[in-house]
């Protein structure tokens, strides 16, 4: 499986945020997108997820046989918001996502196993809105686990997390990559991952070339 972006250009209104963004990822690889506020990191992630149109260029996900795969069916998108209903129980929220994003190719974790994986055992019965901001973000990460999808698109995934939870997140991504998954994350801070591909959006309408490096 491979994810390939070719000469992507993104705009906000009449302003060009970035152009000529190109990269390629294979199984077990992660791309970290960095840059100043307003450089277009969130715009790029939404574009990759198919939530925003590209001004030009393309992004494609292909299987091991080279056949095109629909990003909407093979990728998780985790944005700034957690995409959970505050009044519903944690188990109900995760149950919805498990059903809605179910994959025929692979089964995700059970709801209880996913909650345990983010070290929040005992909260399944609580309304999501009762949780702290950090706990809510960890349950949002659990959403990535209840439905198995190979590509994770993560926008500031460690927002509201403490140092211990930062490490937990890094461990979850490492496990995902070790199983042949891929991850693309936009962030202001190191994510504790090694041997990543780095892409810096400079904020001056250009993008640095993607390069392999350790950023931990």
N, C-alpha and C. Protein backbone atom coordinates (compact mmCIF):
# COMPACT_ATOMS: atom_id res chain seq x y z
N UNK A 1 0.83 -1.19 0.00
CA UNK A 1 0.00 0.00 0.00
C UNK A 1 0.87 1.24 0.00
N UNK A 2 0.42 2.27 -0.70
CA UNK A 2 1.21 3.49 -0.81
C UNK A 2 0.28 4.71 -0.84
N UNK A 3 0.72 5.79 -0.20
CA UNK A 3 0.02 7.08 -0.24
C UNK A 3 0.92 8.07 -0.95
N UNK A 4 0.42 8.70 -2.01
CA UNK A 4 1.25 9.58 -2.83
C UNK A 4 0.54 10.92 -3.06
N UNK A 5 1.21 12.00 -2.68
CA UNK A 5 0.73 13.35 -2.98
C UNK A 5 1.60 13.93 -4.09
N UNK A 6 0.98 14.56 -5.07
CA UNK A 6 1.70 15.10 -6.22
C UNK A 6 1.34 16.56 -6.45
N UNK A 7 2.32 17.44 -6.21
CA UNK A 7 2.21 18.88 -6.51
C UNK A 7 0.90 19.49 -6.01
N UNK A 8 0.58 19.25 -4.75
CA UNK A 8 -0.63 19.81 -4.17
C UNK A 8 -0.48 21.30 -3.90
N UNK A 9 -1.52 22.04 -4.21
CA UNK A 9 -1.59 23.46 -3.89
C UNK A 9 -2.85 23.71 -3.08
N UNK A 10 -2.69 24.47 -1.98
CA UNK A 10 -3.82 24.77 -1.13
C UNK A 10 -4.00 26.26 -0.95
N UNK A 11 -5.26 26.69 -0.89
CA UNK A 11 -5.59 28.11 -0.72
C UNK A 11 -6.52 28.30 0.47
N UNK A 12 -6.51 29.50 1.02
CA UNK A 12 -7.53 29.95 1.94
C UNK A 12 -8.07 31.26 1.37
N UNK A 13 -9.26 31.19 0.80
CA UNK A 13 -9.78 32.35 0.08
C UNK A 13 -8.92 32.62 -1.15
N UNK A 14 -8.41 33.83 -1.25
CA UNK A 14 -7.56 34.20 -2.38
C UNK A 14 -6.08 33.99 -2.11
N UNK A 15 -5.75 33.55 -0.89
CA UNK A 15 -4.35 33.42 -0.51
C UNK A 15 -3.85 31.99 -0.73
N UNK A 16 -2.69 31.86 -1.38
CA UNK A 16 -2.05 30.57 -1.54
C UNK A 16 -1.30 30.24 -0.25
N UNK A 17 -1.63 29.11 0.35
CA UNK A 17 -0.97 28.69 1.59
C UNK A 17 0.28 27.88 1.30
N UNK A 18 0.20 26.98 0.34
CA UNK A 18 1.34 26.15 -0.04
C UNK A 18 1.13 25.68 -1.48
N UNK A 19 2.21 25.29 -2.10
CA UNK A 19 2.13 24.77 -3.46
C UNK A 19 3.24 23.77 -3.69
N UNK A 20 3.02 22.91 -4.69
CA UNK A 20 4.01 21.89 -5.08
C UNK A 20 4.38 20.96 -3.93
N UNK A 21 3.41 20.60 -3.10
CA UNK A 21 3.66 19.65 -2.01
C UNK A 21 3.57 18.23 -2.58
N UNK A 22 4.68 17.51 -2.49
CA UNK A 22 4.73 16.13 -2.99
C UNK A 22 5.41 15.24 -1.97
N UNK A 23 4.90 14.03 -1.80
CA UNK A 23 5.54 13.04 -0.94
C UNK A 23 4.96 11.66 -1.25
N UNK A 24 5.65 10.64 -0.80
CA UNK A 24 5.18 9.27 -0.95
C UNK A 24 5.48 8.50 0.33
N UNK A 25 4.50 7.75 0.79
CA UNK A 25 4.65 6.92 1.99
C UNK A 25 4.27 5.49 1.66
N UNK A 26 4.98 4.56 2.27
CA UNK A 26 4.64 3.15 2.15
C UNK A 26 4.27 2.58 3.51
N UNK A 27 3.98 1.31 3.54
CA UNK A 27 3.61 0.66 4.79
C UNK A 27 4.70 0.86 5.85
N UNK A 28 4.26 1.15 7.07
CA UNK A 28 5.19 1.30 8.18
C UNK A 28 5.86 2.66 8.26
N UNK A 29 5.42 3.62 7.44
CA UNK A 29 6.06 4.94 7.43
C UNK A 29 5.13 6.02 7.97
N UNK A 30 5.74 7.07 8.53
CA UNK A 30 4.99 8.21 9.06
C UNK A 30 5.57 9.50 8.50
N UNK A 31 4.70 10.45 8.20
CA UNK A 31 5.07 11.78 7.76
C UNK A 31 4.61 12.78 8.81
N UNK A 32 5.50 13.65 9.26
CA UNK A 32 5.15 14.70 10.20
C UNK A 32 5.23 16.04 9.48
N UNK A 33 4.13 16.79 9.49
CA UNK A 33 4.04 18.07 8.83
C UNK A 33 4.18 19.17 9.88
N UNK A 34 5.15 20.05 9.70
CA UNK A 34 5.39 21.14 10.64
C UNK A 34 5.30 22.48 9.92
N UNK A 35 5.36 23.56 10.70
CA UNK A 35 5.33 24.90 10.12
C UNK A 35 4.63 25.86 11.05
N UNK A 36 4.77 27.16 10.81
CA UNK A 36 4.16 28.18 11.67
C UNK A 36 2.65 28.20 11.51
N UNK A 37 1.99 28.89 12.46
CA UNK A 37 0.55 29.08 12.36
C UNK A 37 0.20 29.75 11.03
N UNK A 38 -0.83 29.24 10.38
CA UNK A 38 -1.27 29.82 9.12
C UNK A 38 -0.54 29.31 7.89
N UNK A 39 0.39 28.36 8.10
CA UNK A 39 1.14 27.84 6.95
C UNK A 39 0.33 26.85 6.12
N UNK A 40 -0.78 26.34 6.70
CA UNK A 40 -1.64 25.45 5.93
C UNK A 40 -1.60 24.00 6.36
N UNK A 41 -1.12 23.71 7.58
CA UNK A 41 -1.02 22.32 8.03
C UNK A 41 -2.40 21.66 8.09
N UNK A 42 -3.35 22.33 8.74
CA UNK A 42 -4.69 21.76 8.84
C UNK A 42 -5.36 21.67 7.47
N UNK A 43 -5.14 22.68 6.64
CA UNK A 43 -5.69 22.65 5.28
C UNK A 43 -5.17 21.45 4.52
N UNK A 44 -3.89 21.17 4.63
CA UNK A 44 -3.30 20.02 3.94
C UNK A 44 -3.93 18.72 4.43
N UNK A 45 -4.07 18.55 5.75
CA UNK A 45 -4.65 17.33 6.28
C UNK A 45 -6.08 17.14 5.80
N UNK A 46 -6.87 18.23 5.81
CA UNK A 46 -8.25 18.13 5.35
C UNK A 46 -8.31 17.81 3.87
N UNK A 47 -7.35 18.32 3.13
CA UNK A 47 -7.28 18.04 1.70
C UNK A 47 -6.99 16.56 1.47
N UNK A 48 -6.05 16.02 2.24
CA UNK A 48 -5.72 14.60 2.09
C UNK A 48 -6.90 13.72 2.46
N UNK A 49 -7.69 14.17 3.45
CA UNK A 49 -8.84 13.39 3.88
C UNK A 49 -10.03 13.51 2.93
N UNK A 50 -9.93 14.43 1.96
CA UNK A 50 -11.02 14.63 1.02
C UNK A 50 -12.08 15.58 1.52
N UNK A 51 -11.80 16.31 2.60
CA UNK A 51 -12.76 17.26 3.16
C UNK A 51 -12.68 18.63 2.50
N UNK A 52 -11.55 18.92 1.85
CA UNK A 52 -11.36 20.16 1.10
C UNK A 52 -10.80 19.80 -0.28
N UNK A 53 -11.21 20.54 -1.31
CA UNK A 53 -10.65 20.28 -2.64
C UNK A 53 -9.25 20.90 -2.77
N UNK A 54 -8.40 20.25 -3.52
CA UNK A 54 -7.08 20.82 -3.83
C UNK A 54 -7.23 21.83 -4.95
N UNK A 55 -6.49 22.94 -4.84
CA UNK A 55 -6.50 23.92 -5.91
C UNK A 55 -5.87 23.33 -7.16
N UNK A 56 -4.86 22.51 -6.95
CA UNK A 56 -4.25 21.73 -8.03
C UNK A 56 -3.48 20.58 -7.39
N UNK A 57 -3.10 19.62 -8.21
CA UNK A 57 -2.38 18.46 -7.71
C UNK A 57 -3.33 17.34 -7.29
N UNK A 58 -2.76 16.28 -6.73
CA UNK A 58 -3.58 15.12 -6.40
C UNK A 58 -3.02 14.36 -5.21
N UNK A 59 -3.88 13.58 -4.57
CA UNK A 59 -3.48 12.66 -3.51
C UNK A 59 -4.17 11.33 -3.78
N UNK A 60 -3.38 10.25 -3.77
CA UNK A 60 -3.93 8.94 -4.10
C UNK A 60 -3.43 7.89 -3.13
N UNK A 61 -4.31 6.96 -2.83
CA UNK A 61 -3.98 5.81 -1.99
C UNK A 61 -4.15 4.57 -2.85
N UNK A 62 -3.11 3.73 -2.92
CA UNK A 62 -3.17 2.54 -3.75
C UNK A 62 -2.85 1.30 -2.94
N UNK A 63 -3.45 0.19 -3.34
CA UNK A 63 -3.21 -1.08 -2.67
C UNK A 63 -1.91 -1.71 -3.13
N UNK A 64 -1.59 -2.86 -2.55
CA UNK A 64 -0.36 -3.55 -2.91
C UNK A 64 -0.35 -3.99 -4.37
N UNK A 65 -1.55 -4.13 -4.95
CA UNK A 65 -1.64 -4.52 -6.36
C UNK A 65 -1.67 -3.32 -7.29
N UNK A 66 -1.52 -2.11 -6.73
CA UNK A 66 -1.52 -0.90 -7.53
C UNK A 66 -2.89 -0.32 -7.81
N UNK A 67 -3.94 -0.99 -7.36
CA UNK A 67 -5.30 -0.50 -7.60
C UNK A 67 -5.61 0.68 -6.68
N UNK A 68 -6.33 1.66 -7.20
CA UNK A 68 -6.70 2.84 -6.42
C UNK A 68 -7.67 2.46 -5.31
N UNK A 69 -7.46 3.05 -4.14
CA UNK A 69 -8.32 2.79 -2.99
C UNK A 69 -8.98 4.11 -2.57
N UNK A 70 -10.26 4.09 -2.23
CA UNK A 70 -10.93 5.33 -1.79
C UNK A 70 -10.43 5.75 -0.40
N UNK A 71 -9.89 6.95 -0.31
CA UNK A 71 -9.34 7.42 0.95
C UNK A 71 -10.40 7.41 2.04
N UNK A 72 -11.63 7.76 1.71
CA UNK A 72 -12.70 7.83 2.69
C UNK A 72 -12.97 6.50 3.38
N UNK A 73 -12.61 5.40 2.73
CA UNK A 73 -12.86 4.08 3.29
C UNK A 73 -11.62 3.45 3.91
N UNK A 74 -10.45 4.04 3.67
CA UNK A 74 -9.22 3.43 4.15
C UNK A 74 -8.41 4.34 5.08
N UNK A 75 -8.96 5.49 5.43
CA UNK A 75 -8.23 6.43 6.28
C UNK A 75 -9.09 6.88 7.46
N UNK A 76 -8.45 7.09 8.59
CA UNK A 76 -9.04 7.78 9.74
C UNK A 76 -8.58 9.23 9.68
N UNK A 77 -9.50 10.16 9.97
CA UNK A 77 -9.13 11.57 10.11
C UNK A 77 -9.47 12.01 11.52
N UNK A 78 -8.48 12.49 12.25
CA UNK A 78 -8.67 13.03 13.59
C UNK A 78 -8.28 14.50 13.55
N UNK A 79 -9.27 15.39 13.65
CA UNK A 79 -9.02 16.81 13.58
C UNK A 79 -8.85 17.44 14.95
N UNK A 80 -8.95 18.77 14.99
CA UNK A 80 -8.81 19.48 16.26
C UNK A 80 -9.93 19.08 17.22
N UNK A 81 -11.12 18.86 16.70
CA UNK A 81 -12.24 18.44 17.52
C UNK A 81 -12.28 16.92 17.60
N UNK A 82 -12.86 16.42 18.67
CA UNK A 82 -12.81 14.98 18.93
C UNK A 82 -13.88 14.17 18.23
N UNK A 83 -14.89 14.86 17.65
CA UNK A 83 -15.97 14.18 16.92
C UNK A 83 -16.71 13.18 17.81
N UNK A 84 -17.06 13.63 19.00
CA UNK A 84 -17.82 12.82 19.95
C UNK A 84 -19.00 13.65 20.47
N UNK A 85 -20.11 12.99 20.76
CA UNK A 85 -21.27 13.64 21.36
C UNK A 85 -21.10 13.69 22.87
N UNK A 86 -21.13 14.89 23.43
CA UNK A 86 -20.88 15.07 24.85
C UNK A 86 -21.90 14.35 25.73
N UNK A 87 -23.16 14.30 25.28
CA UNK A 87 -24.21 13.73 26.11
C UNK A 87 -24.27 12.20 26.04
N UNK A 88 -23.62 11.60 25.04
CA UNK A 88 -23.60 10.15 24.93
C UNK A 88 -22.48 9.55 25.77
N UNK A 89 -22.71 8.32 26.22
CA UNK A 89 -21.67 7.62 26.98
C UNK A 89 -20.46 7.35 26.08
N UNK A 90 -19.33 7.18 26.71
CA UNK A 90 -18.10 6.86 25.97
C UNK A 90 -18.32 5.62 25.11
N UNK A 91 -18.93 4.60 25.68
CA UNK A 91 -19.17 3.36 24.93
C UNK A 91 -20.09 3.59 23.74
N UNK A 92 -21.07 4.47 23.88
CA UNK A 92 -21.98 4.76 22.77
C UNK A 92 -21.27 5.50 21.65
N UNK A 93 -20.43 6.46 22.01
CA UNK A 93 -19.66 7.18 21.00
C UNK A 93 -18.75 6.24 20.22
N UNK A 94 -17.99 5.41 20.94
CA UNK A 94 -17.08 4.50 20.26
C UNK A 94 -17.84 3.43 19.49
N UNK A 95 -19.01 3.04 20.00
CA UNK A 95 -19.83 2.07 19.29
C UNK A 95 -20.30 2.61 17.95
N UNK A 96 -20.65 3.90 17.93
CA UNK A 96 -21.05 4.51 16.66
C UNK A 96 -19.90 4.47 15.66
N UNK A 97 -18.71 4.91 16.09
CA UNK A 97 -17.58 4.95 15.16
C UNK A 97 -17.15 3.55 14.72
N UNK A 98 -17.26 2.58 15.61
CA UNK A 98 -16.90 1.20 15.24
C UNK A 98 -17.82 0.69 14.13
N UNK A 99 -19.11 1.01 14.25
CA UNK A 99 -20.08 0.58 13.24
C UNK A 99 -19.93 1.39 11.95
N UNK A 100 -19.80 2.73 12.09
CA UNK A 100 -19.77 3.61 10.93
C UNK A 100 -18.52 3.40 10.08
N UNK A 101 -17.38 3.13 10.72
CA UNK A 101 -16.12 3.01 9.99
C UNK A 101 -15.62 1.57 9.92
N UNK A 102 -16.51 0.63 10.09
CA UNK A 102 -16.12 -0.78 10.03
C UNK A 102 -15.49 -1.11 8.68
N UNK A 103 -14.42 -1.89 8.74
CA UNK A 103 -13.72 -2.30 7.52
C UNK A 103 -13.91 -3.79 7.30
N UNK A 104 -14.14 -4.18 6.06
CA UNK A 104 -14.27 -5.59 5.73
C UNK A 104 -12.91 -6.28 5.72
N UNK A 105 -11.85 -5.49 5.58
CA UNK A 105 -10.51 -6.07 5.46
C UNK A 105 -9.94 -6.50 6.81
N UNK A 106 -10.25 -5.75 7.88
CA UNK A 106 -9.66 -6.07 9.18
C UNK A 106 -10.59 -5.59 10.28
N UNK A 107 -10.61 -6.34 11.37
CA UNK A 107 -11.46 -6.00 12.51
C UNK A 107 -10.66 -5.17 13.51
N UNK A 108 -11.27 -4.13 14.03
CA UNK A 108 -10.62 -3.33 15.05
C UNK A 108 -10.76 -3.94 16.42
N UNK A 109 -10.26 -3.23 17.42
CA UNK A 109 -10.39 -3.69 18.79
C UNK A 109 -11.83 -3.56 19.28
N UNK A 110 -12.16 -4.34 20.30
CA UNK A 110 -13.45 -4.15 20.94
C UNK A 110 -13.45 -2.80 21.64
N UNK A 111 -14.63 -2.30 21.98
CA UNK A 111 -14.72 -1.00 22.64
C UNK A 111 -13.96 -1.02 23.96
N UNK A 112 -14.14 -2.05 24.75
CA UNK A 112 -13.44 -2.11 26.04
C UNK A 112 -11.93 -2.22 25.86
N UNK A 113 -11.50 -3.00 24.86
CA UNK A 113 -10.06 -3.15 24.61
C UNK A 113 -9.45 -1.82 24.16
N UNK A 114 -10.17 -1.05 23.36
CA UNK A 114 -9.67 0.25 22.89
C UNK A 114 -9.56 1.23 24.06
N UNK A 115 -10.55 1.20 24.95
CA UNK A 115 -10.50 2.08 26.12
C UNK A 115 -9.33 1.70 27.03
N UNK A 116 -9.09 0.41 27.18
CA UNK A 116 -7.94 -0.04 27.97
C UNK A 116 -6.63 0.37 27.31
N UNK A 117 -6.60 0.35 25.98
CA UNK A 117 -5.37 0.70 25.25
C UNK A 117 -4.97 2.14 25.48
N UNK A 118 -5.94 3.01 25.75
CA UNK A 118 -5.62 4.42 26.04
C UNK A 118 -5.63 4.67 27.55
N UNK A 119 -5.61 3.58 28.32
CA UNK A 119 -5.46 3.62 29.78
C UNK A 119 -6.56 4.41 30.48
N UNK A 120 -7.80 4.13 30.07
CA UNK A 120 -8.94 4.79 30.70
C UNK A 120 -10.02 3.79 31.10
N UNK A 121 -9.60 2.62 31.55
CA UNK A 121 -10.55 1.60 31.97
C UNK A 121 -11.49 2.17 33.03
N UNK A 122 -12.77 1.85 32.91
CA UNK A 122 -13.75 2.29 33.89
C UNK A 122 -14.56 3.50 33.49
N UNK A 123 -14.29 4.09 32.30
CA UNK A 123 -15.03 5.29 31.89
C UNK A 123 -16.09 5.00 30.83
N UNK A 124 -16.23 3.75 30.41
CA UNK A 124 -17.14 3.43 29.30
C UNK A 124 -18.56 3.88 29.57
N UNK A 125 -18.99 3.85 30.83
CA UNK A 125 -20.37 4.18 31.17
C UNK A 125 -20.61 5.68 31.35
N UNK A 126 -19.55 6.47 31.36
CA UNK A 126 -19.67 7.90 31.63
C UNK A 126 -20.03 8.68 30.36
N UNK A 127 -20.83 9.74 30.50
CA UNK A 127 -21.03 10.64 29.35
C UNK A 127 -19.69 11.24 28.93
N UNK A 128 -19.46 11.35 27.64
CA UNK A 128 -18.19 11.87 27.14
C UNK A 128 -17.90 13.25 27.72
N UNK A 129 -18.93 14.07 27.88
CA UNK A 129 -18.75 15.42 28.39
C UNK A 129 -18.27 15.50 29.82
N UNK A 130 -18.35 14.38 30.57
CA UNK A 130 -17.89 14.35 31.95
C UNK A 130 -16.37 14.25 32.05
N UNK A 131 -15.72 13.85 30.97
CA UNK A 131 -14.29 13.61 31.00
C UNK A 131 -13.51 14.92 30.92
N UNK A 132 -12.28 14.90 31.41
CA UNK A 132 -11.39 16.05 31.27
C UNK A 132 -10.98 16.19 29.81
N UNK A 133 -10.39 17.33 29.47
CA UNK A 133 -9.97 17.56 28.09
C UNK A 133 -8.96 16.51 27.64
N UNK A 134 -8.02 16.16 28.52
CA UNK A 134 -7.03 15.14 28.17
C UNK A 134 -7.66 13.77 28.00
N UNK A 135 -8.61 13.42 28.86
CA UNK A 135 -9.29 12.13 28.73
C UNK A 135 -10.13 12.09 27.46
N UNK A 136 -10.76 13.20 27.12
CA UNK A 136 -11.55 13.24 25.89
C UNK A 136 -10.66 12.99 24.67
N UNK A 137 -9.46 13.58 24.69
CA UNK A 137 -8.56 13.38 23.54
C UNK A 137 -8.11 11.93 23.47
N UNK A 138 -7.88 11.30 24.61
CA UNK A 138 -7.48 9.89 24.60
C UNK A 138 -8.60 8.99 24.08
N UNK A 139 -9.84 9.31 24.42
CA UNK A 139 -10.95 8.53 23.86
C UNK A 139 -11.06 8.77 22.35
N UNK A 140 -10.76 9.98 21.91
CA UNK A 140 -10.73 10.24 20.47
C UNK A 140 -9.67 9.37 19.79
N UNK A 141 -8.54 9.17 20.47
CA UNK A 141 -7.51 8.27 19.93
C UNK A 141 -8.01 6.84 19.90
N UNK A 142 -8.83 6.46 20.89
CA UNK A 142 -9.39 5.11 20.91
C UNK A 142 -10.26 4.86 19.68
N UNK A 143 -10.84 5.94 19.13
CA UNK A 143 -11.64 5.80 17.91
C UNK A 143 -10.82 5.22 16.76
N UNK A 144 -9.52 5.51 16.75
CA UNK A 144 -8.65 4.98 15.70
C UNK A 144 -8.48 3.47 15.82
N UNK A 145 -8.76 2.94 17.01
CA UNK A 145 -8.49 1.53 17.30
C UNK A 145 -9.70 0.63 17.12
N UNK A 146 -10.92 1.19 17.28
CA UNK A 146 -12.10 0.32 17.22
C UNK A 146 -12.45 -0.06 15.78
N UNK A 147 -11.97 0.71 14.81
CA UNK A 147 -12.16 0.38 13.40
C UNK A 147 -10.80 0.42 12.73
N UNK A 148 -10.38 -0.67 12.17
CA UNK A 148 -9.02 -0.77 11.60
C UNK A 148 -8.98 -0.14 10.21
N UNK A 149 -8.14 0.89 10.09
CA UNK A 149 -7.90 1.54 8.80
C UNK A 149 -6.41 1.81 8.66
N UNK A 150 -5.83 1.59 7.48
CA UNK A 150 -4.37 1.65 7.35
C UNK A 150 -3.75 3.03 7.43
N UNK A 151 -4.48 4.08 7.03
CA UNK A 151 -3.89 5.42 7.01
C UNK A 151 -4.53 6.28 8.10
N UNK A 152 -3.69 6.82 8.99
CA UNK A 152 -4.15 7.75 10.03
C UNK A 152 -3.75 9.16 9.63
N UNK A 153 -4.72 10.07 9.53
CA UNK A 153 -4.49 11.48 9.26
C UNK A 153 -4.79 12.24 10.54
N UNK A 154 -3.77 12.82 11.16
CA UNK A 154 -3.86 13.33 12.52
C UNK A 154 -3.48 14.81 12.58
N UNK A 155 -4.43 15.65 13.00
CA UNK A 155 -4.19 17.09 13.10
C UNK A 155 -4.02 17.46 14.56
N UNK A 156 -2.81 17.84 14.94
CA UNK A 156 -2.47 18.16 16.33
C UNK A 156 -2.99 17.07 17.28
N UNK A 157 -2.57 15.83 17.07
CA UNK A 157 -3.15 14.70 17.83
C UNK A 157 -2.87 14.74 19.32
N UNK A 158 -1.80 15.42 19.74
CA UNK A 158 -1.46 15.41 21.17
C UNK A 158 -1.99 16.64 21.90
N UNK A 159 -2.87 17.42 21.27
CA UNK A 159 -3.46 18.58 21.94
C UNK A 159 -4.17 18.12 23.21
N UNK A 160 -3.91 18.81 24.31
CA UNK A 160 -4.53 18.56 25.63
C UNK A 160 -3.94 17.35 26.36
N UNK A 161 -2.97 16.69 25.75
CA UNK A 161 -2.38 15.52 26.41
C UNK A 161 -1.21 15.92 27.30
N UNK A 162 -1.07 15.22 28.45
CA UNK A 162 0.09 15.44 29.32
C UNK A 162 1.25 14.59 28.83
N UNK A 163 2.38 14.69 29.52
CA UNK A 163 3.60 14.00 29.07
C UNK A 163 3.41 12.50 29.00
N UNK A 164 2.74 11.92 30.00
CA UNK A 164 2.50 10.48 30.00
C UNK A 164 1.63 10.08 28.82
N UNK A 165 0.62 10.87 28.53
CA UNK A 165 -0.27 10.56 27.41
C UNK A 165 0.42 10.77 26.07
N UNK A 166 1.36 11.71 26.01
CA UNK A 166 2.18 11.89 24.79
C UNK A 166 2.90 10.58 24.47
N UNK A 167 3.46 9.96 25.49
CA UNK A 167 4.18 8.69 25.30
C UNK A 167 3.21 7.60 24.87
N UNK A 168 2.03 7.60 25.48
CA UNK A 168 1.00 6.63 25.11
C UNK A 168 0.64 6.77 23.63
N UNK A 169 0.47 8.02 23.18
CA UNK A 169 0.16 8.25 21.77
C UNK A 169 1.27 7.72 20.87
N UNK A 170 2.52 8.03 21.22
CA UNK A 170 3.65 7.57 20.41
C UNK A 170 3.66 6.04 20.32
N UNK A 171 3.35 5.38 21.43
CA UNK A 171 3.32 3.91 21.44
C UNK A 171 2.22 3.38 20.52
N UNK A 172 1.06 4.04 20.52
CA UNK A 172 -0.04 3.61 19.66
C UNK A 172 0.34 3.75 18.19
N UNK A 173 1.00 4.86 17.84
CA UNK A 173 1.39 5.06 16.45
C UNK A 173 2.47 4.05 16.05
N UNK A 174 3.43 3.81 16.94
CA UNK A 174 4.47 2.82 16.63
C UNK A 174 3.86 1.44 16.36
N UNK A 175 2.88 1.06 17.19
CA UNK A 175 2.23 -0.24 17.00
C UNK A 175 1.49 -0.28 15.66
N UNK A 176 0.83 0.83 15.31
CA UNK A 176 0.12 0.92 14.03
C UNK A 176 1.09 0.78 12.86
N UNK A 177 2.23 1.45 12.94
CA UNK A 177 3.23 1.37 11.88
C UNK A 177 3.83 -0.03 11.80
N UNK A 178 4.06 -0.65 12.95
CA UNK A 178 4.64 -1.99 12.99
C UNK A 178 3.73 -3.02 12.34
N UNK A 179 2.44 -2.73 12.32
CA UNK A 179 1.47 -3.63 11.71
C UNK A 179 1.25 -3.31 10.23
N UNK A 180 2.09 -2.42 9.68
CA UNK A 180 1.99 -2.09 8.27
C UNK A 180 1.14 -0.89 7.96
N UNK A 181 0.75 -0.13 8.99
CA UNK A 181 -0.05 1.07 8.77
C UNK A 181 0.80 2.25 8.37
N UNK A 182 0.15 3.37 8.09
CA UNK A 182 0.81 4.62 7.75
C UNK A 182 0.18 5.75 8.56
N UNK A 183 0.93 6.81 8.82
CA UNK A 183 0.40 7.94 9.57
C UNK A 183 0.94 9.24 8.99
N UNK A 184 0.07 10.25 8.91
CA UNK A 184 0.45 11.61 8.53
C UNK A 184 -0.09 12.53 9.61
N UNK A 185 0.81 13.25 10.28
CA UNK A 185 0.42 14.08 11.41
C UNK A 185 0.90 15.51 11.23
N UNK A 186 0.03 16.46 11.49
CA UNK A 186 0.40 17.88 11.51
C UNK A 186 0.53 18.30 12.96
N UNK A 187 1.63 18.96 13.32
CA UNK A 187 1.86 19.25 14.73
C UNK A 187 2.81 20.42 14.91
N UNK A 188 2.73 21.04 16.09
CA UNK A 188 3.69 22.07 16.48
C UNK A 188 4.80 21.50 17.34
N UNK A 189 4.64 20.27 17.82
CA UNK A 189 5.59 19.74 18.78
C UNK A 189 6.02 18.33 18.41
N UNK A 190 7.20 17.90 18.88
CA UNK A 190 7.67 16.54 18.59
C UNK A 190 6.68 15.50 19.08
N UNK A 191 6.56 14.39 18.34
CA UNK A 191 5.60 13.35 18.68
C UNK A 191 6.24 12.11 19.26
N UNK A 192 7.56 12.14 19.46
CA UNK A 192 8.22 10.99 20.05
C UNK A 192 8.39 9.83 19.10
N UNK A 193 8.40 10.09 17.79
CA UNK A 193 8.55 9.04 16.79
C UNK A 193 9.93 9.12 16.16
N UNK A 194 10.48 7.96 15.79
CA UNK A 194 11.80 7.90 15.16
C UNK A 194 11.65 7.59 13.67
N UNK A 195 12.67 7.95 12.92
CA UNK A 195 12.77 7.60 11.50
C UNK A 195 11.52 7.99 10.72
N UNK A 196 11.12 9.23 10.90
CA UNK A 196 9.95 9.73 10.17
C UNK A 196 10.38 10.46 8.91
N UNK A 197 9.40 10.74 8.08
CA UNK A 197 9.59 11.65 6.95
C UNK A 197 9.05 13.00 7.41
N UNK A 198 9.81 14.06 7.22
CA UNK A 198 9.42 15.39 7.69
C UNK A 198 9.10 16.30 6.51
N UNK A 199 8.01 17.05 6.64
CA UNK A 199 7.61 18.03 5.63
C UNK A 199 7.32 19.34 6.34
N UNK A 200 8.07 20.38 6.01
CA UNK A 200 7.87 21.69 6.63
C UNK A 200 7.18 22.64 5.66
N UNK A 201 6.03 23.16 6.08
CA UNK A 201 5.34 24.20 5.33
C UNK A 201 5.88 25.53 5.84
N UNK A 202 6.45 26.31 4.96
CA UNK A 202 7.20 27.48 5.39
C UNK A 202 6.33 28.71 5.64
N UNK A 203 5.12 28.71 5.11
CA UNK A 203 4.27 29.87 5.29
C UNK A 203 4.53 30.99 4.29
N UNK A 204 5.39 30.74 3.29
CA UNK A 204 5.64 31.77 2.26
C UNK A 204 5.26 31.26 0.88
N UNK A 205 4.18 30.48 0.86
CA UNK A 205 3.59 29.94 -0.36
C UNK A 205 4.36 28.77 -0.94
N UNK A 206 5.44 28.35 -0.26
CA UNK A 206 6.19 27.22 -0.77
C UNK A 206 6.24 26.16 0.31
N UNK A 207 6.60 24.96 -0.07
CA UNK A 207 6.75 23.88 0.90
C UNK A 207 8.12 23.26 0.75
N UNK A 208 8.75 22.98 1.86
CA UNK A 208 10.04 22.28 1.80
C UNK A 208 9.82 20.87 1.28
N UNK A 209 10.80 20.30 0.65
CA UNK A 209 10.69 18.93 0.17
C UNK A 209 10.62 17.98 1.36
N UNK A 210 9.84 16.94 1.23
CA UNK A 210 9.77 15.93 2.27
C UNK A 210 11.11 15.22 2.37
N UNK A 211 11.57 15.01 3.58
CA UNK A 211 12.86 14.36 3.78
C UNK A 211 12.78 13.41 4.95
N UNK A 212 13.57 12.34 4.90
CA UNK A 212 13.59 11.37 5.97
C UNK A 212 14.55 11.81 7.05
N UNK A 213 14.06 11.74 8.32
CA UNK A 213 14.93 12.10 9.43
C UNK A 213 14.30 11.59 10.71
N UNK A 214 15.08 11.56 11.78
CA UNK A 214 14.56 11.22 13.08
C UNK A 214 14.17 12.50 13.79
N UNK A 215 12.95 12.53 14.33
CA UNK A 215 12.47 13.75 14.99
C UNK A 215 11.76 13.34 16.26
N UNK A 216 12.53 13.18 17.32
CA UNK A 216 11.97 12.70 18.57
C UNK A 216 12.36 13.60 19.72
